[in-house]
Full PDB file with SEQRES, HELIX, SHEET, SSBOND, CRYST1, ORIGX, SCALE, CONECT and MASTER records, all heavy atoms in Angstrom:
SEQRES   1 A   34  PHE ASP PRO GLU ARG VAL THR VAL ASP ALA GLY ALA THR          
SEQRES   2 A   34  VAL GLU TRP VAL ASN GLU SER ASP VAL GLY HIS THR VAL          
SEQRES   3 A   34  THR ALA SER ALA ASP ALA ILE PRO                              
HELIX    1 AA1 ALA A   30  ALA A   32  5                                   3    
CRYST1    1.000    1.000    1.000  90.00  90.00  90.00 P 1           1          
ORIGX1      1.000000  0.000000  0.000000        0.00000                         
ORIGX2      0.000000  1.000000  0.000000        0.00000                         
ORIGX3      0.000000  0.000000  1.000000        0.00000                         
SCALE1      1.000000  0.000000  0.000000        0.00000                         
SCALE2      0.000000  1.000000  0.000000        0.00000                         
SCALE3      0.000000  0.000000  1.000000        0.00000                         
ATOM      1  N   PHE A   1      -0.329   5.385  -3.106  1.00  0.00           N  
ATOM      2  CA  PHE A   1      -0.648   5.832  -1.755  1.00  0.00           C  
ATOM      3  C   PHE A   1      -2.159   5.897  -1.679  1.00  0.00           C  
ATOM      4  O   PHE A   1      -2.801   6.448  -2.587  1.00  0.00           O  
ATOM      5  CB  PHE A   1      -0.046   7.211  -1.488  1.00  0.00           C  
ATOM      6  CG  PHE A   1       1.461   7.223  -1.457  1.00  0.00           C  
ATOM      7  CD1 PHE A   1       2.192   7.798  -2.503  1.00  0.00           C  
ATOM      8  CD2 PHE A   1       2.169   6.719  -0.374  1.00  0.00           C  
ATOM      9  CE1 PHE A   1       3.551   7.852  -2.471  1.00  0.00           C  
ATOM     10  CE2 PHE A   1       3.544   6.755  -0.330  1.00  0.00           C  
ATOM     11  CZ  PHE A   1       4.263   7.309  -1.387  1.00  0.00           C  
ATOM     12  N   ASP A   2      -2.741   5.336  -0.634  1.00  0.00           N  
ATOM     13  CA  ASP A   2      -4.171   5.303  -0.504  1.00  0.00           C  
ATOM     14  C   ASP A   2      -4.600   5.808   0.895  1.00  0.00           C  
ATOM     15  O   ASP A   2      -4.292   5.136   1.862  1.00  0.00           O  
ATOM     16  CB  ASP A   2      -4.682   3.867  -0.710  1.00  0.00           C  
ATOM     17  CG  ASP A   2      -6.208   3.760  -0.616  1.00  0.00           C  
ATOM     18  OD1 ASP A   2      -6.884   4.772  -0.921  1.00  0.00           O  
ATOM     19  OD2 ASP A   2      -6.704   2.696  -0.229  1.00  0.00           O  
ATOM     20  N   PRO A   3      -5.236   6.972   0.959  1.00  0.00           N  
ATOM     21  CA  PRO A   3      -5.627   7.829  -0.144  1.00  0.00           C  
ATOM     22  C   PRO A   3      -4.429   8.602  -0.710  1.00  0.00           C  
ATOM     23  O   PRO A   3      -3.437   8.823  -0.001  1.00  0.00           O  
ATOM     24  CB  PRO A   3      -6.659   8.768   0.464  1.00  0.00           C  
ATOM     25  CG  PRO A   3      -6.295   8.828   1.920  1.00  0.00           C  
ATOM     26  CD  PRO A   3      -5.708   7.478   2.245  1.00  0.00           C  
ATOM     27  N   GLU A   4      -4.579   9.023  -1.943  1.00  0.00           N  
ATOM     28  CA  GLU A   4      -3.504   9.775  -2.606  1.00  0.00           C  
ATOM     29  C   GLU A   4      -3.385  11.182  -2.044  1.00  0.00           C  
ATOM     30  O   GLU A   4      -2.273  11.741  -1.976  1.00  0.00           O  
ATOM     31  CB  GLU A   4      -3.778   9.844  -4.108  1.00  0.00           C  
ATOM     32  CG  GLU A   4      -2.692  10.514  -4.905  1.00  0.00           C  
ATOM     33  CD  GLU A   4      -2.972  10.477  -6.399  1.00  0.00           C  
ATOM     34  OE1 GLU A   4      -3.414   9.430  -6.921  1.00  0.00           O  
ATOM     35  OE2 GLU A   4      -2.763  11.526  -7.024  1.00  0.00           O  
ATOM     36  N   ARG A   5      -4.522  11.748  -1.641  1.00  0.00           N  
ATOM     37  CA  ARG A   5      -4.527  13.100  -1.056  1.00  0.00           C  
ATOM     38  C   ARG A   5      -5.226  13.082   0.291  1.00  0.00           C  
ATOM     39  O   ARG A   5      -6.290  12.463   0.418  1.00  0.00           O  
ATOM     40  CB  ARG A   5      -5.293  14.046  -1.979  1.00  0.00           C  
ATOM     41  CG  ARG A   5      -4.609  14.320  -3.302  1.00  0.00           C  
ATOM     42  CD  ARG A   5      -5.459  15.203  -4.197  1.00  0.00           C  
ATOM     43  NE  ARG A   5      -4.738  15.611  -5.374  1.00  0.00           N  
ATOM     44  CZ  ARG A   5      -4.557  14.863  -6.445  1.00  0.00           C  
ATOM     45  NH1 ARG A   5      -5.046  13.643  -6.455  1.00  0.00           N  
ATOM     46  NH2 ARG A   5      -3.909  15.303  -7.492  1.00  0.00           N  
ATOM     47  N   VAL A   6      -4.623  13.761   1.266  1.00  0.00           N  
ATOM     48  CA  VAL A   6      -5.257  13.915   2.587  1.00  0.00           C  
ATOM     49  C   VAL A   6      -5.213  15.359   2.988  1.00  0.00           C  
ATOM     50  O   VAL A   6      -4.336  16.109   2.540  1.00  0.00           O  
ATOM     51  CB  VAL A   6      -4.599  12.998   3.663  1.00  0.00           C  
ATOM     52  CG1 VAL A   6      -4.762  11.526   3.351  1.00  0.00           C  
ATOM     53  CG2 VAL A   6      -3.152  13.343   3.869  1.00  0.00           C  
ATOM     54  N   THR A   7      -6.129  15.752   3.845  1.00  0.00           N  
ATOM     55  CA  THR A   7      -6.178  17.097   4.402  1.00  0.00           C  
ATOM     56  C   THR A   7      -6.179  16.954   5.914  1.00  0.00           C  
ATOM     57  O   THR A   7      -6.960  16.173   6.470  1.00  0.00           O  
ATOM     58  CB  THR A   7      -7.434  17.838   3.950  1.00  0.00           C  
ATOM     59  OG1 THR A   7      -7.421  17.926   2.506  1.00  0.00           O  
ATOM     60  CG2 THR A   7      -7.496  19.242   4.523  1.00  0.00           C  
ATOM     61  N   VAL A   8      -5.268  17.699   6.573  1.00  0.00           N  
ATOM     62  CA  VAL A   8      -5.159  17.645   8.029  1.00  0.00           C  
ATOM     63  C   VAL A   8      -5.008  19.080   8.565  1.00  0.00           C  
ATOM     64  O   VAL A   8      -4.724  20.014   7.804  1.00  0.00           O  
ATOM     65  CB  VAL A   8      -3.939  16.787   8.458  1.00  0.00           C  
ATOM     66  CG1 VAL A   8      -4.093  15.341   8.007  1.00  0.00           C  
ATOM     67  CG2 VAL A   8      -2.637  17.379   7.977  1.00  0.00           C  
ATOM     68  N   ASP A   9      -5.177  19.221   9.845  1.00  0.00           N  
ATOM     69  CA  ASP A   9      -4.935  20.497  10.507  1.00  0.00           C  
ATOM     70  C   ASP A   9      -3.467  20.625  10.867  1.00  0.00           C  
ATOM     71  O   ASP A   9      -2.770  19.642  11.048  1.00  0.00           O  
ATOM     72  CB  ASP A   9      -5.772  20.595  11.801  1.00  0.00           C  
ATOM     73  CG  ASP A   9      -7.270  20.683  11.525  1.00  0.00           C  
ATOM     74  OD1 ASP A   9      -7.646  21.271  10.480  1.00  0.00           O  
ATOM     75  OD2 ASP A   9      -8.038  20.133  12.320  1.00  0.00           O  
ATOM     76  N   ALA A  10      -2.994  21.874  10.948  1.00  0.00           N  
ATOM     77  CA  ALA A  10      -1.603  22.106  11.360  1.00  0.00           C  
ATOM     78  C   ALA A  10      -1.364  21.425  12.701  1.00  0.00           C  
ATOM     79  O   ALA A  10      -2.221  21.463  13.600  1.00  0.00           O  
ATOM     80  CB  ALA A  10      -1.334  23.601  11.447  1.00  0.00           C  
ATOM     81  N   GLY A  11      -0.223  20.789  12.855  1.00  0.00           N  
ATOM     82  CA  GLY A  11       0.112  20.058  14.082  1.00  0.00           C  
ATOM     83  C   GLY A  11      -0.277  18.595  14.021  1.00  0.00           C  
ATOM     84  O   GLY A  11       0.063  17.837  14.951  1.00  0.00           O  
ATOM     85  N   ALA A  12      -0.965  18.179  12.977  1.00  0.00           N  
ATOM     86  CA  ALA A  12      -1.393  16.761  12.850  1.00  0.00           C  
ATOM     87  C   ALA A  12      -0.279  15.897  12.308  1.00  0.00           C  
ATOM     88  O   ALA A  12       0.610  16.355  11.590  1.00  0.00           O  
ATOM     89  CB  ALA A  12      -2.617  16.657  11.945  1.00  0.00           C  
ATOM     90  N   THR A  13      -0.354  14.629  12.641  1.00  0.00           N  
ATOM     91  CA  THR A  13       0.615  13.641  12.166  1.00  0.00           C  
ATOM     92  C   THR A  13      -0.035  12.766  11.100  1.00  0.00           C  
ATOM     93  O   THR A  13      -1.160  12.348  11.250  1.00  0.00           O  
ATOM     94  CB  THR A  13       1.108  12.761  13.341  1.00  0.00           C  
ATOM     95  OG1 THR A  13       1.750  13.613  14.309  1.00  0.00           O  
ATOM     96  CG2 THR A  13       2.069  11.686  12.877  1.00  0.00           C  
ATOM     97  N   VAL A  14       0.722  12.519  10.033  1.00  0.00           N  
ATOM     98  CA  VAL A  14       0.319  11.570   9.012  1.00  0.00           C  
ATOM     99  C   VAL A  14       1.247  10.359   9.157  1.00  0.00           C  
ATOM    100  O   VAL A  14       2.451  10.522   9.300  1.00  0.00           O  
ATOM    101  CB  VAL A  14       0.389  12.163   7.605  1.00  0.00           C  
ATOM    102  CG1 VAL A  14       0.096  11.105   6.534  1.00  0.00           C  
ATOM    103  CG2 VAL A  14      -0.538  13.350   7.471  1.00  0.00           C  
ATOM    104  N   GLU A  15       0.656   9.177   9.108  1.00  0.00           N  
ATOM    105  CA  GLU A  15       1.423   7.947   9.218  1.00  0.00           C  
ATOM    106  C   GLU A  15       1.213   7.117   7.958  1.00  0.00           C  
ATOM    107  O   GLU A  15       0.083   6.830   7.592  1.00  0.00           O  
ATOM    108  CB  GLU A  15       0.985   7.149  10.450  1.00  0.00           C  
ATOM    109  CG  GLU A  15       1.746   5.846  10.629  1.00  0.00           C  
ATOM    110  CD  GLU A  15       1.357   5.139  11.892  1.00  0.00           C  
ATOM    111  OE1 GLU A  15       0.199   4.670  11.967  1.00  0.00           O  
ATOM    112  OE2 GLU A  15       2.183   5.080  12.812  1.00  0.00           O  
ATOM    113  N   TRP A  16       2.310   6.781   7.311  1.00  0.00           N  
ATOM    114  CA  TRP A  16       2.274   5.925   6.131  1.00  0.00           C  
ATOM    115  C   TRP A  16       2.576   4.494   6.574  1.00  0.00           C  
ATOM    116  O   TRP A  16       3.547   4.257   7.276  1.00  0.00           O  
ATOM    117  CB  TRP A  16       3.314   6.365   5.101  1.00  0.00           C  
ATOM    118  CG  TRP A  16       2.976   7.672   4.444  1.00  0.00           C  
ATOM    119  CD1 TRP A  16       2.326   7.835   3.243  1.00  0.00           C  
ATOM    120  CD2 TRP A  16       3.261   8.988   4.891  1.00  0.00           C  
ATOM    121  NE1 TRP A  16       2.202   9.172   2.971  1.00  0.00           N  
ATOM    122  CE2 TRP A  16       2.761   9.909   3.960  1.00  0.00           C  
ATOM    123  CE3 TRP A  16       3.912   9.506   6.048  1.00  0.00           C  
ATOM    124  CZ2 TRP A  16       2.886  11.286   4.108  1.00  0.00           C  
ATOM    125  CZ3 TRP A  16       4.016  10.863   6.207  1.00  0.00           C  
ATOM    126  CH2 TRP A  16       3.512  11.741   5.246  1.00  0.00           C  
ATOM    127  N   VAL A  17       1.723   3.544   6.177  1.00  0.00           N  
ATOM    128  CA  VAL A  17       1.853   2.161   6.560  1.00  0.00           C  
ATOM    129  C   VAL A  17       2.068   1.358   5.270  1.00  0.00           C  
ATOM    130  O   VAL A  17       1.254   1.409   4.356  1.00  0.00           O  
ATOM    131  CB  VAL A  17       0.603   1.671   7.272  1.00  0.00           C  
ATOM    132  CG1 VAL A  17       0.721   0.189   7.646  1.00  0.00           C  
ATOM    133  CG2 VAL A  17       0.304   2.518   8.503  1.00  0.00           C  
ATOM    134  N   ASN A  18       3.165   0.594   5.218  1.00  0.00           N  
ATOM    135  CA  ASN A  18       3.457  -0.199   4.044  1.00  0.00           C  
ATOM    136  C   ASN A  18       2.711  -1.541   4.142  1.00  0.00           C  
ATOM    137  O   ASN A  18       3.126  -2.450   4.856  1.00  0.00           O  
ATOM    138  CB  ASN A  18       4.949  -0.422   3.882  1.00  0.00           C  
ATOM    139  CG  ASN A  18       5.248  -1.105   2.574  1.00  0.00           C  
ATOM    140  OD1 ASN A  18       4.343  -1.522   1.843  1.00  0.00           O  
ATOM    141  ND2 ASN A  18       6.521  -1.210   2.230  1.00  0.00           N  
ATOM    142  N   GLU A  19       1.620  -1.624   3.386  1.00  0.00           N  
ATOM    143  CA  GLU A  19       0.827  -2.861   3.326  1.00  0.00           C  
ATOM    144  C   GLU A  19       1.189  -3.683   2.096  1.00  0.00           C  
ATOM    145  O   GLU A  19       0.481  -4.601   1.729  1.00  0.00           O  
ATOM    146  CB  GLU A  19      -0.659  -2.521   3.346  1.00  0.00           C  
ATOM    147  CG  GLU A  19      -1.094  -1.887   4.651  1.00  0.00           C  
ATOM    148  CD  GLU A  19      -2.563  -1.577   4.707  1.00  0.00           C  
ATOM    149  OE1 GLU A  19      -3.269  -1.759   3.698  1.00  0.00           O  
ATOM    150  OE2 GLU A  19      -3.008  -1.103   5.764  1.00  0.00           O  
ATOM    151  N   SER A  20       2.279  -3.333   1.461  1.00  0.00           N  
ATOM    152  CA  SER A  20       2.755  -3.981   0.241  1.00  0.00           C  
ATOM    153  C   SER A  20       3.810  -5.009   0.559  1.00  0.00           C  
ATOM    154  O   SER A  20       4.349  -5.047   1.663  1.00  0.00           O  
ATOM    155  CB  SER A  20       3.315  -2.883  -0.667  1.00  0.00           C  
ATOM    156  OG  SER A  20       3.963  -3.415  -1.784  1.00  0.00           O  
ATOM    157  N   ASP A  21       4.150  -5.822  -0.409  1.00  0.00           N  
ATOM    158  CA  ASP A  21       5.213  -6.802  -0.266  1.00  0.00           C  
ATOM    159  C   ASP A  21       6.578  -6.232  -0.625  1.00  0.00           C  
ATOM    160  O   ASP A  21       7.577  -6.914  -0.477  1.00  0.00           O  
ATOM    161  CB  ASP A  21       4.952  -8.044  -1.126  1.00  0.00           C  
ATOM    162  CG  ASP A  21       3.744  -8.843  -0.595  1.00  0.00           C  
ATOM    163  OD1 ASP A  21       3.514  -8.828   0.632  1.00  0.00           O  
ATOM    164  OD2 ASP A  21       3.065  -9.472  -1.417  1.00  0.00           O  
ATOM    165  N   VAL A  22       6.622  -5.015  -1.142  1.00  0.00           N  
ATOM    166  CA  VAL A  22       7.876  -4.399  -1.550  1.00  0.00           C  
ATOM    167  C   VAL A  22       8.102  -3.120  -0.724  1.00  0.00           C  
ATOM    168  O   VAL A  22       7.183  -2.535  -0.185  1.00  0.00           O  
ATOM    169  CB  VAL A  22       7.905  -4.065  -3.054  1.00  0.00           C  
ATOM    170  CG1 VAL A  22       7.765  -5.331  -3.882  1.00  0.00           C  
ATOM    171  CG2 VAL A  22       6.827  -3.062  -3.419  1.00  0.00           C  
ATOM    172  N   GLY A  23       9.372  -2.691  -0.683  1.00  0.00           N  
ATOM    173  CA  GLY A  23       9.704  -1.467   0.039  1.00  0.00           C  
ATOM    174  C   GLY A  23       9.288  -0.228  -0.736  1.00  0.00           C  
ATOM    175  O   GLY A  23       9.271  -0.217  -1.962  1.00  0.00           O  
ATOM    176  N   HIS A  24       8.927   0.807   0.010  1.00  0.00           N  
ATOM    177  CA  HIS A  24       8.547   2.111  -0.569  1.00  0.00           C  
ATOM    178  C   HIS A  24       9.220   3.217   0.225  1.00  0.00           C  
ATOM    179  O   HIS A  24       9.608   3.002   1.393  1.00  0.00           O  
ATOM    180  CB  HIS A  24       7.032   2.313  -0.486  1.00  0.00           C  
ATOM    181  CG  HIS A  24       6.226   1.326  -1.278  1.00  0.00           C  
ATOM    182  ND1 HIS A  24       6.219   1.344  -2.653  1.00  0.00           N  
ATOM    183  CD2 HIS A  24       5.418   0.350  -0.889  1.00  0.00           C  
ATOM    184  CE1 HIS A  24       5.411   0.383  -3.102  1.00  0.00           C  
ATOM    185  NE2 HIS A  24       4.904  -0.261  -2.041  1.00  0.00           N  
ATOM    186  N   THR A  25       9.350   4.373  -0.385  1.00  0.00           N  
ATOM    187  CA  THR A  25       9.805   5.546   0.367  1.00  0.00           C  
ATOM    188  C   THR A  25       8.693   6.569   0.418  1.00  0.00           C  
ATOM    189  O   THR A  25       7.748   6.528  -0.369  1.00  0.00           O  
ATOM    190  CB  THR A  25      11.033   6.219  -0.265  1.00  0.00           C  
ATOM    191  OG1 THR A  25      10.662   6.862  -1.497  1.00  0.00           O  
ATOM    192  CG2 THR A  25      12.160   5.222  -0.524  1.00  0.00           C  
ATOM    193  N   VAL A  26       8.814   7.483   1.356  1.00  0.00           N  
ATOM    194  CA  VAL A  26       7.964   8.666   1.427  1.00  0.00           C  
ATOM    195  C   VAL A  26       8.962   9.822   1.351  1.00  0.00           C  
ATOM    196  O   VAL A  26       9.743  10.024   2.277  1.00  0.00           O  
ATOM    197  CB  VAL A  26       7.158   8.719   2.742  1.00  0.00           C  
ATOM    198  CG1 VAL A  26       6.353  10.003   2.823  1.00  0.00           C  
ATOM    199  CG2 VAL A  26       6.274   7.488   2.892  1.00  0.00           C  
ATOM    200  N   THR A  27       8.955  10.551   0.246  1.00  0.00           N  
ATOM    201  CA  THR A  27       9.959  11.574   0.004  1.00  0.00           C  
ATOM    202  C   THR A  27       9.271  12.877  -0.469  1.00  0.00           C  
ATOM    203  O   THR A  27       8.592  12.866  -1.490  1.00  0.00           O  
ATOM    204  CB  THR A  27      10.952  11.122  -1.090  1.00  0.00           C  
ATOM    205  OG1 THR A  27      11.442   9.816  -0.727  1.00  0.00           O  
ATOM    206  CG2 THR A  27      12.106  12.095  -1.211  1.00  0.00           C  
ATOM    207  N   ALA A  28       9.482  13.936   0.274  1.00  0.00           N  
ATOM    208  CA  ALA A  28       8.891  15.230  -0.116  1.00  0.00           C  
ATOM    209  C   ALA A  28       9.540  15.710  -1.396  1.00  0.00           C  
ATOM    210  O   ALA A  28      10.724  15.519  -1.637  1.00  0.00           O  
ATOM    211  CB  ALA A  28       9.113  16.260   0.989  1.00  0.00           C  
ATOM    212  N   SER A  29       8.738  16.364  -2.244  1.00  0.00           N  
ATOM    213  CA  SER A  29       9.269  17.060  -3.393  1.00  0.00           C  
ATOM    214  C   SER A  29       9.690  18.436  -2.902  1.00  0.00           C  
ATOM    215  O   SER A  29       8.839  19.287  -2.603  1.00  0.00           O  
ATOM    216  CB  SER A  29       8.194  17.214  -4.485  1.00  0.00           C  
ATOM    217  OG  SER A  29       7.792  15.956  -4.951  1.00  0.00           O  
ATOM    218  N   ALA A  30      10.979  18.663  -2.774  1.00  0.00           N  
ATOM    219  CA  ALA A  30      11.496  19.879  -2.126  1.00  0.00           C  
ATOM    220  C   ALA A  30      10.938  21.161  -2.754  1.00  0.00           C  
ATOM    221  O   ALA A  30      10.726  22.141  -2.037  1.00  0.00           O  
ATOM    222  CB  ALA A  30      13.030  19.874  -2.176  1.00  0.00           C  
ATOM    223  N   ASP A  31      10.689  21.149  -4.053  1.00  0.00           N  
ATOM    224  CA  ASP A  31      10.168  22.353  -4.696  1.00  0.00           C  
ATOM    225  C   ASP A  31       8.638  22.410  -4.666  1.00  0.00           C  
ATOM    226  O   ASP A  31       8.041  23.303  -5.248  1.00  0.00           O  
ATOM    227  CB  ASP A  31      10.686  22.458  -6.113  1.00  0.00           C  
ATOM    228  CG  ASP A  31      10.294  21.295  -7.002  1.00  0.00           C  
ATOM    229  OD1 ASP A  31       9.788  20.292  -6.470  1.00  0.00           O  
ATOM    230  OD2 ASP A  31      10.488  21.388  -8.230  1.00  0.00           O  
ATOM    231  N   ALA A  32       7.989  21.460  -3.975  1.00  0.00           N  
ATOM    232  CA  ALA A  32       6.540  21.426  -3.922  1.00  0.00           C  
ATOM    233  C   ALA A  32       6.042  21.286  -2.489  1.00  0.00           C  
ATOM    234  O   ALA A  32       5.058  20.592  -2.212  1.00  0.00           O  
ATOM    235  CB  ALA A  32       6.015  20.309  -4.799  1.00  0.00           C  
ATOM    236  N   ILE A  33       6.742  21.945  -1.541  1.00  0.00           N  
ATOM    237  CA  ILE A  33       6.291  22.066  -0.165  1.00  0.00           C  
ATOM    238  C   ILE A  33       6.396  23.549   0.200  1.00  0.00           C  
ATOM    239  O   ILE A  33       7.124  24.295  -0.473  1.00  0.00           O  
ATOM    240  CB  ILE A  33       7.101  21.192   0.823  1.00  0.00           C  
ATOM    241  CG1 ILE A  33       8.570  21.592   0.889  1.00  0.00           C  
ATOM    242  CG2 ILE A  33       6.965  19.708   0.445  1.00  0.00           C  
ATOM    243  CD1 ILE A  33       9.388  20.856   1.948  1.00  0.00           C  
ATOM    244  N   PRO A  34       5.664  24.015   1.210  1.00  0.00           N  
ATOM    245  CA  PRO A  34       5.745  25.433   1.590  1.00  0.00           C  
ATOM    246  C   PRO A  34       7.196  25.850   1.867  1.00  0.00           C  
ATOM    247  O   PRO A  34       7.966  25.074   2.423  1.00  0.00           O  
ATOM    248  CB  PRO A  34       4.872  25.513   2.848  1.00  0.00           C  
ATOM    249  CG  PRO A  34       3.900  24.365   2.696  1.00  0.00           C  
ATOM    250  CD  PRO A  34       4.697  23.274   2.017  1.00  0.00           C  
TER     251      PRO A  34                                                      
MASTER        0    0    0    1    0    0    0    6  250    1    0    3          
END                                                                             
C-alpha cells in the first residue's frame, strides 16, 4: 500500500486504488481498530 500510513481528520474518506495487475483486498484487523 503506498503510502503505507496515512493520517486524516475524522469524517475523511480514504480511497484505495488498485494500480496492480492482480487483485487485492482492504481488510481491517478487527483487533487493531478503535
